[in-house]
mmCIF file of all heavy atoms, coordinates in Angstrom:
data_MODEL
# 
_entry.id   MODEL 
# 
loop_
_atom_site.group_PDB 
_atom_site.id 
_atom_site.type_symbol 
_atom_site.label_atom_id 
_atom_site.label_alt_id 
_atom_site.label_comp_id 
_atom_site.label_asym_id 
_atom_site.label_entity_id 
_atom_site.label_seq_id 
_atom_site.pdbx_PDB_ins_code 
_atom_site.Cartn_x 
_atom_site.Cartn_y 
_atom_site.Cartn_z 
_atom_site.occupancy 
_atom_site.B_iso_or_equiv 
_atom_site.pdbx_formal_charge 
_atom_site.auth_seq_id 
_atom_site.auth_comp_id 
_atom_site.auth_asym_id 
_atom_site.auth_atom_id 
_atom_site.pdbx_PDB_model_num 
ATOM 1   N N   . GLN A 1 1  ? 24.466 -21.469 -3.635 1.00 0.00 ? 1  GLN A N   1 
ATOM 2   C CA  . GLN A 1 1  ? 24.256 -22.754 -4.307 1.00 0.00 ? 1  GLN A CA  1 
ATOM 3   C C   . GLN A 1 1  ? 25.150 -22.896 -5.522 1.00 0.00 ? 1  GLN A C   1 
ATOM 4   O O   . GLN A 1 1  ? 25.747 -23.937 -5.788 1.00 0.00 ? 1  GLN A O   1 
ATOM 5   C CB  . GLN A 1 1  ? 22.780 -22.926 -4.685 1.00 0.00 ? 1  GLN A CB  1 
ATOM 6   C CG  . GLN A 1 1  ? 21.871 -23.076 -3.474 1.00 0.00 ? 1  GLN A CG  1 
ATOM 7   C CD  . GLN A 1 1  ? 20.401 -22.902 -3.818 1.00 0.00 ? 1  GLN A CD  1 
ATOM 8   O OE1 . GLN A 1 1  ? 20.039 -22.865 -4.984 1.00 0.00 ? 1  GLN A OE1 1 
ATOM 9   N NE2 . GLN A 1 1  ? 19.565 -22.785 -2.795 1.00 0.00 ? 1  GLN A NE2 1 
ATOM 10  N N   . ALA A 1 2  ? 25.252 -21.810 -6.319 1.00 0.00 ? 2  ALA A N   1 
ATOM 11  C CA  . ALA A 1 2  ? 26.084 -21.837 -7.531 1.00 0.00 ? 2  ALA A CA  1 
ATOM 12  C C   . ALA A 1 2  ? 27.534 -22.093 -7.176 1.00 0.00 ? 2  ALA A C   1 
ATOM 13  O O   . ALA A 1 2  ? 28.271 -22.704 -7.933 1.00 0.00 ? 2  ALA A O   1 
ATOM 14  C CB  . ALA A 1 2  ? 25.943 -20.517 -8.310 1.00 0.00 ? 2  ALA A CB  1 
ATOM 15  N N   . ALA A 1 3  ? 27.953 -21.551 -6.006 1.00 0.00 ? 3  ALA A N   1 
ATOM 16  C CA  . ALA A 1 3  ? 29.341 -21.745 -5.573 1.00 0.00 ? 3  ALA A CA  1 
ATOM 17  C C   . ALA A 1 3  ? 29.572 -23.117 -4.976 1.00 0.00 ? 3  ALA A C   1 
ATOM 18  O O   . ALA A 1 3  ? 30.695 -23.523 -4.735 1.00 0.00 ? 3  ALA A O   1 
ATOM 19  C CB  . ALA A 1 3  ? 29.708 -20.673 -4.560 1.00 0.00 ? 3  ALA A CB  1 
ATOM 20  N N   . GLY A 1 4  ? 28.469 -23.871 -4.748 1.00 0.00 ? 4  GLY A N   1 
ATOM 21  C CA  . GLY A 1 4  ? 28.606 -25.154 -4.089 1.00 0.00 ? 4  GLY A CA  1 
ATOM 22  C C   . GLY A 1 4  ? 29.158 -25.060 -2.702 1.00 0.00 ? 4  GLY A C   1 
ATOM 23  O O   . GLY A 1 4  ? 29.860 -25.936 -2.223 1.00 0.00 ? 4  GLY A O   1 
ATOM 24  N N   . ALA A 1 5  ? 28.862 -23.919 -2.057 1.00 0.00 ? 5  ALA A N   1 
ATOM 25  C CA  . ALA A 1 5  ? 29.444 -23.641 -0.754 1.00 0.00 ? 5  ALA A CA  1 
ATOM 26  C C   . ALA A 1 5  ? 28.384 -23.661 0.319  1.00 0.00 ? 5  ALA A C   1 
ATOM 27  O O   . ALA A 1 5  ? 27.227 -23.376 0.078  1.00 0.00 ? 5  ALA A O   1 
ATOM 28  C CB  . ALA A 1 5  ? 30.127 -22.257 -0.773 1.00 0.00 ? 5  ALA A CB  1 
ATOM 29  N N   . LYS A 1 6  ? 28.821 -24.007 1.546  1.00 0.00 ? 6  LYS A N   1 
ATOM 30  C CA  . LYS A 1 6  ? 27.933 -23.935 2.676  1.00 0.00 ? 6  LYS A CA  1 
ATOM 31  C C   . LYS A 1 6  ? 27.583 -22.475 2.960  1.00 0.00 ? 6  LYS A C   1 
ATOM 32  O O   . LYS A 1 6  ? 28.487 -21.634 3.099  1.00 0.00 ? 6  LYS A O   1 
ATOM 33  C CB  . LYS A 1 6  ? 28.585 -24.567 3.899  1.00 0.00 ? 6  LYS A CB  1 
ATOM 34  C CG  . LYS A 1 6  ? 27.688 -24.676 5.113  1.00 0.00 ? 6  LYS A CG  1 
ATOM 35  C CD  . LYS A 1 6  ? 28.341 -25.583 6.138  1.00 0.00 ? 6  LYS A CD  1 
ATOM 36  C CE  . LYS A 1 6  ? 27.389 -25.853 7.295  1.00 0.00 ? 6  LYS A CE  1 
ATOM 37  N NZ  . LYS A 1 6  ? 27.434 -24.849 8.328  1.00 0.00 ? 6  LYS A NZ  1 
ATOM 38  N N   . ALA A 1 7  ? 26.311 -22.168 3.034  1.00 0.00 ? 7  ALA A N   1 
ATOM 39  C CA  . ALA A 1 7  ? 25.910 -20.768 3.220  1.00 0.00 ? 7  ALA A CA  1 
ATOM 40  C C   . ALA A 1 7  ? 26.273 -20.302 4.634  1.00 0.00 ? 7  ALA A C   1 
ATOM 41  O O   . ALA A 1 7  ? 25.846 -20.902 5.625  1.00 0.00 ? 7  ALA A O   1 
ATOM 42  C CB  . ALA A 1 7  ? 24.406 -20.631 3.006  1.00 0.00 ? 7  ALA A CB  1 
ATOM 43  N N   . PRO A 1 8  ? 27.046 -19.199 4.744  1.00 0.00 ? 8  PRO A N   1 
ATOM 44  C CA  . PRO A 1 8  ? 27.398 -18.682 6.084  1.00 0.00 ? 8  PRO A CA  1 
ATOM 45  C C   . PRO A 1 8  ? 26.193 -18.003 6.745  1.00 0.00 ? 8  PRO A C   1 
ATOM 46  O O   . PRO A 1 8  ? 26.181 -17.794 7.940  1.00 0.00 ? 8  PRO A O   1 
ATOM 47  C CB  . PRO A 1 8  ? 28.518 -17.672 5.788  1.00 0.00 ? 8  PRO A CB  1 
ATOM 48  C CG  . PRO A 1 8  ? 28.285 -17.271 4.374  1.00 0.00 ? 8  PRO A CG  1 
ATOM 49  C CD  . PRO A 1 8  ? 27.676 -18.453 3.656  1.00 0.00 ? 8  PRO A CD  1 
ATOM 50  N N   . PHE A 1 9  ? 25.226 -17.592 5.925  1.00 0.00 ? 9  PHE A N   1 
ATOM 51  C CA  . PHE A 1 9  ? 23.963 -17.015 6.416  1.00 0.00 ? 9  PHE A CA  1 
ATOM 52  C C   . PHE A 1 9  ? 22.954 -17.155 5.309  1.00 0.00 ? 9  PHE A C   1 
ATOM 53  O O   . PHE A 1 9  ? 23.303 -17.477 4.151  1.00 0.00 ? 9  PHE A O   1 
ATOM 54  C CB  . PHE A 1 9  ? 24.144 -15.516 6.808  1.00 0.00 ? 9  PHE A CB  1 
ATOM 55  C CG  . PHE A 1 9  ? 24.886 -14.717 5.786  1.00 0.00 ? 9  PHE A CG  1 
ATOM 56  C CD1 . PHE A 1 9  ? 24.304 -14.353 4.570  1.00 0.00 ? 9  PHE A CD1 1 
ATOM 57  C CD2 . PHE A 1 9  ? 26.187 -14.301 6.024  1.00 0.00 ? 9  PHE A CD2 1 
ATOM 58  C CE1 . PHE A 1 9  ? 24.982 -13.612 3.635  1.00 0.00 ? 9  PHE A CE1 1 
ATOM 59  C CE2 . PHE A 1 9  ? 26.885 -13.549 5.094  1.00 0.00 ? 9  PHE A CE2 1 
ATOM 60  C CZ  . PHE A 1 9  ? 26.275 -13.199 3.896  1.00 0.00 ? 9  PHE A CZ  1 
ATOM 61  N N   . SER A 1 10 ? 21.697 -16.969 5.612  1.00 0.00 ? 10 SER A N   1 
ATOM 62  C CA  . SER A 1 10 ? 20.695 -16.996 4.583  1.00 0.00 ? 10 SER A CA  1 
ATOM 63  C C   . SER A 1 10 ? 19.876 -15.722 4.653  1.00 0.00 ? 10 SER A C   1 
ATOM 64  O O   . SER A 1 10 ? 19.911 -14.977 5.635  1.00 0.00 ? 10 SER A O   1 
ATOM 65  C CB  . SER A 1 10 ? 19.787 -18.228 4.734  1.00 0.00 ? 10 SER A CB  1 
ATOM 66  O OG  . SER A 1 10 ? 19.095 -18.175 5.961  1.00 0.00 ? 10 SER A OG  1 
ATOM 67  N N   . VAL A 1 11 ? 19.143 -15.471 3.592  1.00 0.00 ? 11 VAL A N   1 
ATOM 68  C CA  . VAL A 1 11 ? 18.391 -14.241 3.450  1.00 0.00 ? 11 VAL A CA  1 
ATOM 69  C C   . VAL A 1 11 ? 16.907 -14.566 3.316  1.00 0.00 ? 11 VAL A C   1 
ATOM 70  O O   . VAL A 1 11 ? 16.535 -15.455 2.538  1.00 0.00 ? 11 VAL A O   1 
ATOM 71  C CB  . VAL A 1 11 ? 18.890 -13.454 2.199  1.00 0.00 ? 11 VAL A CB  1 
ATOM 72  C CG1 . VAL A 1 11 ? 17.938 -12.300 1.889  1.00 0.00 ? 11 VAL A CG1 1 
ATOM 73  C CG2 . VAL A 1 11 ? 20.280 -12.925 2.443  1.00 0.00 ? 11 VAL A CG2 1 
ATOM 74  N N   . ARG A 1 12 ? 16.105 -13.877 4.100  1.00 0.00 ? 12 ARG A N   1 
ATOM 75  C CA  . ARG A 1 12 ? 14.635 -13.983 3.918  1.00 0.00 ? 12 ARG A CA  1 
ATOM 76  C C   . ARG A 1 12 ? 14.108 -12.729 3.321  1.00 0.00 ? 12 ARG A C   1 
ATOM 77  O O   . ARG A 1 12 ? 14.663 -11.645 3.495  1.00 0.00 ? 12 ARG A O   1 
ATOM 78  C CB  . ARG A 1 12 ? 13.984 -14.236 5.290  1.00 0.00 ? 12 ARG A CB  1 
ATOM 79  C CG  . ARG A 1 12 ? 14.000 -15.715 5.660  1.00 0.00 ? 12 ARG A CG  1 
ATOM 80  C CD  . ARG A 1 12 ? 13.461 -15.971 7.029  1.00 0.00 ? 12 ARG A CD  1 
ATOM 81  N NE  . ARG A 1 12 ? 12.107 -15.519 7.231  1.00 0.00 ? 12 ARG A NE  1 
ATOM 82  C CZ  . ARG A 1 12 ? 11.503 -15.545 8.407  1.00 0.00 ? 12 ARG A CZ  1 
ATOM 83  N NH1 . ARG A 1 12 ? 12.152 -15.969 9.470  1.00 0.00 ? 12 ARG A NH1 1 
ATOM 84  N NH2 . ARG A 1 12 ? 10.258 -15.129 8.556  1.00 0.00 ? 12 ARG A NH2 1 
ATOM 85  N N   . MET A 1 13 ? 13.029 -12.877 2.576  1.00 0.00 ? 13 MET A N   1 
ATOM 86  C CA  . MET A 1 13 ? 12.447 -11.751 1.856  1.00 0.00 ? 13 MET A CA  1 
ATOM 87  C C   . MET A 1 13 ? 11.249 -11.188 2.594  1.00 0.00 ? 13 MET A C   1 
ATOM 88  O O   . MET A 1 13 ? 10.351 -11.924 3.006  1.00 0.00 ? 13 MET A O   1 
ATOM 89  C CB  . MET A 1 13 ? 12.007 -12.186 0.443  1.00 0.00 ? 13 MET A CB  1 
ATOM 90  C CG  . MET A 1 13 ? 13.146 -12.657 -0.426 1.00 0.00 ? 13 MET A CG  1 
ATOM 91  S SD  . MET A 1 13 ? 12.566 -13.117 -2.077 1.00 0.00 ? 13 MET A SD  1 
ATOM 92  C CE  . MET A 1 13 ? 11.668 -14.618 -1.729 1.00 0.00 ? 13 MET A CE  1 
ATOM 93  N N   . SER A 1 14 ? 11.238 -9.878  2.742  1.00 0.00 ? 14 SER A N   1 
ATOM 94  C CA  . SER A 1 14 ? 10.090 -9.163  3.280  1.00 0.00 ? 14 SER A CA  1 
ATOM 95  C C   . SER A 1 14 ? 9.606  -8.195  2.223  1.00 0.00 ? 14 SER A C   1 
ATOM 96  O O   . SER A 1 14 ? 10.363 -7.400  1.662  1.00 0.00 ? 14 SER A O   1 
ATOM 97  C CB  . SER A 1 14 ? 10.523 -8.397  4.532  1.00 0.00 ? 14 SER A CB  1 
ATOM 98  O OG  . SER A 1 14 ? 9.573  -7.401  4.864  1.00 0.00 ? 14 SER A OG  1 
ATOM 99  N N   . LYS A 1 15 ? 8.304  -8.268  1.934  1.00 0.00 ? 15 LYS A N   1 
ATOM 100 C CA  . LYS A 1 15 ? 7.742  -7.412  0.894  1.00 0.00 ? 15 LYS A CA  1 
ATOM 101 C C   . LYS A 1 15 ? 7.283  -6.088  1.494  1.00 0.00 ? 15 LYS A C   1 
ATOM 102 O O   . LYS A 1 15 ? 6.580  -6.053  2.492  1.00 0.00 ? 15 LYS A O   1 
ATOM 103 C CB  . LYS A 1 15 ? 6.557  -8.099  0.209  1.00 0.00 ? 15 LYS A CB  1 
ATOM 104 C CG  . LYS A 1 15 ? 5.990  -7.281  -0.956 1.00 0.00 ? 15 LYS A CG  1 
ATOM 105 C CD  . LYS A 1 15 ? 4.895  -7.996  -1.714 1.00 0.00 ? 15 LYS A CD  1 
ATOM 106 C CE  . LYS A 1 15 ? 3.604  -8.096  -0.963 1.00 0.00 ? 15 LYS A CE  1 
ATOM 107 N NZ  . LYS A 1 15 ? 2.457  -8.477  -1.822 1.00 0.00 ? 15 LYS A NZ  1 
ATOM 108 N N   . GLY A 1 16 ? 7.714  -5.004  0.833  1.00 0.00 ? 16 GLY A N   1 
ATOM 109 C CA  . GLY A 1 16 ? 7.273  -3.672  1.235  1.00 0.00 ? 16 GLY A CA  1 
ATOM 110 C C   . GLY A 1 16 ? 6.524  -3.020  0.062  1.00 0.00 ? 16 GLY A C   1 
ATOM 111 O O   . GLY A 1 16 ? 7.066  -2.858  -1.020 1.00 0.00 ? 16 GLY A O   1 
ATOM 112 N N   . VAL A 1 17 ? 5.272  -2.684  0.290  1.00 0.00 ? 17 VAL A N   1 
ATOM 113 C CA  . VAL A 1 17 ? 4.418  -2.113  -0.740 1.00 0.00 ? 17 VAL A CA  1 
ATOM 114 C C   . VAL A 1 17 ? 4.211  -0.620  -0.504 1.00 0.00 ? 17 VAL A C   1 
ATOM 115 O O   . VAL A 1 17 ? 4.066  -0.186  0.662  1.00 0.00 ? 17 VAL A O   1 
ATOM 116 C CB  . VAL A 1 17 ? 3.040  -2.818  -0.768 1.00 0.00 ? 17 VAL A CB  1 
ATOM 117 C CG1 . VAL A 1 17 ? 2.055  -2.117  -1.698 1.00 0.00 ? 17 VAL A CG1 1 
ATOM 118 C CG2 . VAL A 1 17 ? 3.225  -4.281  -1.207 1.00 0.00 ? 17 VAL A CG2 1 
ATOM 119 N N   . HIS A 1 18 ? 4.221  0.172   -1.584 1.00 0.00 ? 18 HIS A N   1 
ATOM 120 C CA  . HIS A 1 18 ? 3.953  1.601   -1.507 1.00 0.00 ? 18 HIS A CA  1 
ATOM 121 C C   . HIS A 1 18 ? 2.888  1.951   -2.557 1.00 0.00 ? 18 HIS A C   1 
ATOM 122 O O   . HIS A 1 18 ? 2.837  1.332   -3.617 1.00 0.00 ? 18 HIS A O   1 
ATOM 123 C CB  . HIS A 1 18 ? 5.225  2.398   -1.797 1.00 0.00 ? 18 HIS A CB  1 
ATOM 124 C CG  . HIS A 1 18 ? 6.322  2.173   -0.816 1.00 0.00 ? 18 HIS A CG  1 
ATOM 125 N ND1 . HIS A 1 18 ? 7.157  1.073   -0.870 1.00 0.00 ? 18 HIS A ND1 1 
ATOM 126 C CD2 . HIS A 1 18 ? 6.734  2.898   0.252  1.00 0.00 ? 18 HIS A CD2 1 
ATOM 127 C CE1 . HIS A 1 18 ? 8.032  1.142   0.119  1.00 0.00 ? 18 HIS A CE1 1 
ATOM 128 N NE2 . HIS A 1 18 ? 7.806  2.245   0.816  1.00 0.00 ? 18 HIS A NE2 1 
ATOM 129 N N   . LEU A 1 19 ? 2.105  2.951   -2.247 1.00 0.00 ? 19 LEU A N   1 
ATOM 130 C CA  . LEU A 1 19 ? 1.169  3.481   -3.251 1.00 0.00 ? 19 LEU A CA  1 
ATOM 131 C C   . LEU A 1 19 ? 1.352  4.984   -3.346 1.00 0.00 ? 19 LEU A C   1 
ATOM 132 O O   . LEU A 1 19 ? 1.881  5.644   -2.432 1.00 0.00 ? 19 LEU A O   1 
ATOM 133 C CB  . LEU A 1 19 ? -0.288 3.117   -2.866 1.00 0.00 ? 19 LEU A CB  1 
ATOM 134 C CG  . LEU A 1 19 ? -0.843 3.610   -1.510 1.00 0.00 ? 19 LEU A CG  1 
ATOM 135 C CD1 . LEU A 1 19 ? -1.407 5.007   -1.624 1.00 0.00 ? 19 LEU A CD1 1 
ATOM 136 C CD2 . LEU A 1 19 ? -1.951 2.642   -1.053 1.00 0.00 ? 19 LEU A CD2 1 
ATOM 137 N N   . LEU A 1 20 ? 0.941  5.535   -4.502 1.00 0.00 ? 20 LEU A N   1 
ATOM 138 C CA  . LEU A 1 20 ? 1.040  6.966   -4.752 1.00 0.00 ? 20 LEU A CA  1 
ATOM 139 C C   . LEU A 1 20 ? -0.359 7.550   -4.986 1.00 0.00 ? 20 LEU A C   1 
ATOM 140 O O   . LEU A 1 20 ? -1.160 6.966   -5.730 1.00 0.00 ? 20 LEU A O   1 
ATOM 141 C CB  . LEU A 1 20 ? 1.909  7.280   -5.971 1.00 0.00 ? 20 LEU A CB  1 
ATOM 142 C CG  . LEU A 1 20 ? 3.424  7.247   -5.736 1.00 0.00 ? 20 LEU A CG  1 
ATOM 143 C CD1 . LEU A 1 20 ? 3.939  5.814   -5.740 1.00 0.00 ? 20 LEU A CD1 1 
ATOM 144 C CD2 . LEU A 1 20 ? 4.155  8.047   -6.824 1.00 0.00 ? 20 LEU A CD2 1 
ATOM 145 N N   . VAL A 1 21 ? -0.650 8.645   -4.293 1.00 0.00 ? 21 VAL A N   1 
ATOM 146 C CA  . VAL A 1 21 ? -1.910 9.370   -4.500 1.00 0.00 ? 21 VAL A CA  1 
ATOM 147 C C   . VAL A 1 21 ? -1.580 10.835  -4.836 1.00 0.00 ? 21 VAL A C   1 
ATOM 148 O O   . VAL A 1 21 ? -0.508 11.324  -4.487 1.00 0.00 ? 21 VAL A O   1 
ATOM 149 C CB  . VAL A 1 21 ? -2.848 9.289   -3.276 1.00 0.00 ? 21 VAL A CB  1 
ATOM 150 C CG1 . VAL A 1 21 ? -3.176 7.845   -2.929 1.00 0.00 ? 21 VAL A CG1 1 
ATOM 151 C CG2 . VAL A 1 21 ? -2.205 9.997   -2.083 1.00 0.00 ? 21 VAL A CG2 1 
ATOM 152 N N   . PRO A 1 22 ? -2.481 11.551  -5.540 1.00 0.00 ? 22 PRO A N   1 
ATOM 153 C CA  . PRO A 1 22 ? -2.201 12.926  -5.884 1.00 0.00 ? 22 PRO A CA  1 
ATOM 154 C C   . PRO A 1 22 ? -1.995 13.797  -4.639 1.00 0.00 ? 22 PRO A C   1 
ATOM 155 O O   . PRO A 1 22 ? -2.610 13.612  -3.609 1.00 0.00 ? 22 PRO A O   1 
ATOM 156 C CB  . PRO A 1 22 ? -3.460 13.370  -6.652 1.00 0.00 ? 22 PRO A CB  1 
ATOM 157 C CG  . PRO A 1 22 ? -4.094 12.123  -7.127 1.00 0.00 ? 22 PRO A CG  1 
ATOM 158 C CD  . PRO A 1 22 ? -3.769 11.064  -6.094 1.00 0.00 ? 22 PRO A CD  1 
ATOM 159 N N   . ARG A 1 23 ? -1.076 14.766  -4.774 1.00 0.00 ? 23 ARG A N   1 
ATOM 160 C CA  . ARG A 1 23 ? -0.707 15.650  -3.654 1.00 0.00 ? 23 ARG A CA  1 
ATOM 161 C C   . ARG A 1 23 ? -1.949 16.364  -3.125 1.00 0.00 ? 23 ARG A C   1 
ATOM 162 O O   . ARG A 1 23 ? -2.086 16.602  -1.908 1.00 0.00 ? 23 ARG A O   1 
ATOM 163 C CB  . ARG A 1 23 ? 0.327  16.655  -4.149 1.00 0.00 ? 23 ARG A CB  1 
ATOM 164 C CG  . ARG A 1 23 ? 1.078  17.405  -3.071 1.00 0.00 ? 23 ARG A CG  1 
ATOM 165 C CD  . ARG A 1 23 ? 2.069  16.533  -2.321 1.00 0.00 ? 23 ARG A CD  1 
ATOM 166 N NE  . ARG A 1 23 ? 2.855  17.305  -1.365 1.00 0.00 ? 23 ARG A NE  1 
ATOM 167 C CZ  . ARG A 1 23 ? 4.076  17.781  -1.621 1.00 0.00 ? 23 ARG A CZ  1 
ATOM 168 N NH1 . ARG A 1 23 ? 4.653  17.549  -2.797 1.00 0.00 ? 23 ARG A NH1 1 
ATOM 169 N NH2 . ARG A 1 23 ? 4.701  18.470  -0.717 1.00 0.00 ? 23 ARG A NH2 1 
ATOM 170 N N   . ALA A 1 24 ? -2.890 16.719  -4.007 1.00 0.00 ? 24 ALA A N   1 
ATOM 171 C CA  . ALA A 1 24 ? -4.058 17.513  -3.602 1.00 0.00 ? 24 ALA A CA  1 
ATOM 172 C C   . ALA A 1 24 ? -4.997 16.700  -2.715 1.00 0.00 ? 24 ALA A C   1 
ATOM 173 O O   . ALA A 1 24 ? -5.872 17.307  -2.048 1.00 0.00 ? 24 ALA A O   1 
ATOM 174 C CB  . ALA A 1 24 ? -4.797 17.990  -4.853 1.00 0.00 ? 24 ALA A CB  1 
ATOM 175 N N   . ARG A 1 25 ? -4.867 15.377  -2.674 1.00 0.00 ? 25 ARG A N   1 
ATOM 176 C CA  . ARG A 1 25 ? -5.823 14.567  -1.896 1.00 0.00 ? 25 ARG A CA  1 
ATOM 177 C C   . ARG A 1 25 ? -5.551 14.619  -0.396 1.00 0.00 ? 25 ARG A C   1 
ATOM 178 O O   . ARG A 1 25 ? -6.414 14.295  0.418  1.00 0.00 ? 25 ARG A O   1 
ATOM 179 C CB  . ARG A 1 25 ? -5.775 13.107  -2.367 1.00 0.00 ? 25 ARG A CB  1 
ATOM 180 C CG  . ARG A 1 25 ? -6.574 12.847  -3.597 1.00 0.00 ? 25 ARG A CG  1 
ATOM 181 C CD  . ARG A 1 25 ? -8.074 13.079  -3.399 1.00 0.00 ? 25 ARG A CD  1 
ATOM 182 N NE  . ARG A 1 25 ? -8.717 12.031  -2.616 1.00 0.00 ? 25 ARG A NE  1 
ATOM 183 C CZ  . ARG A 1 25 ? -9.200 12.162  -1.393 1.00 0.00 ? 25 ARG A CZ  1 
ATOM 184 N NH1 . ARG A 1 25 ? -9.124 13.322  -0.753 1.00 0.00 ? 25 ARG A NH1 1 
ATOM 185 N NH2 . ARG A 1 25 ? -9.779 11.153  -0.793 1.00 0.00 ? 25 ARG A NH2 1 
ATOM 186 N N   . ILE A 1 26 ? -4.324 15.042  0.019  1.00 0.00 ? 26 ILE A N   1 
ATOM 187 C CA  . ILE A 1 26 ? -4.043 15.152  1.457  1.00 0.00 ? 26 ILE A CA  1 
ATOM 188 C C   . ILE A 1 26 ? -3.404 16.530  1.678  1.00 0.00 ? 26 ILE A C   1 
ATOM 189 O O   . ILE A 1 26 ? -2.368 16.834  1.081  1.00 0.00 ? 26 ILE A O   1 
ATOM 190 C CB  . ILE A 1 26 ? -3.056 14.056  1.931  1.00 0.00 ? 26 ILE A CB  1 
ATOM 191 C CG1 . ILE A 1 26 ? -3.584 12.650  1.550  1.00 0.00 ? 26 ILE A CG1 1 
ATOM 192 C CG2 . ILE A 1 26 ? -2.856 14.134  3.435  1.00 0.00 ? 26 ILE A CG2 1 
ATOM 193 C CD1 . ILE A 1 26 ? -2.598 11.521  1.911  1.00 0.00 ? 26 ILE A CD1 1 
ATOM 194 N N   . ARG A 1 27 ? -4.041 17.315  2.521  1.00 0.00 ? 27 ARG A N   1 
ATOM 195 C CA  . ARG A 1 27 ? -3.488 18.661  2.823  1.00 0.00 ? 27 ARG A CA  1 
ATOM 196 C C   . ARG A 1 27 ? -2.511 18.562  3.979  1.00 0.00 ? 27 ARG A C   1 
ATOM 197 O O   . ARG A 1 27 ? -2.876 18.436  5.124  1.00 0.00 ? 27 ARG A O   1 
ATOM 198 C CB  . ARG A 1 27 ? -4.629 19.631  3.127  1.00 0.00 ? 27 ARG A CB  1 
ATOM 199 C CG  . ARG A 1 27 ? -5.513 19.939  1.908  1.00 0.00 ? 27 ARG A CG  1 
ATOM 200 C CD  . ARG A 1 27 ? -6.704 20.770  2.292  1.00 0.00 ? 27 ARG A CD  1 
ATOM 201 N NE  . ARG A 1 27 ? -6.304 22.061  2.851  1.00 0.00 ? 27 ARG A NE  1 
ATOM 202 C CZ  . ARG A 1 27 ? -7.025 22.722  3.776  1.00 0.00 ? 27 ARG A CZ  1 
ATOM 203 N NH1 . ARG A 1 27 ? -8.145 22.176  4.262  1.00 0.00 ? 27 ARG A NH1 1 
ATOM 204 N NH2 . ARG A 1 27 ? -6.607 23.892  4.235  1.00 0.00 ? 27 ARG A NH2 1 
# 
């Protein structure tokens, strides 16, 4: 858009979530 140009492709966003738990909780 800033370039005022026709987009040759577009990008969609996919959310990836991660969580951290203590090492001792899973053997």
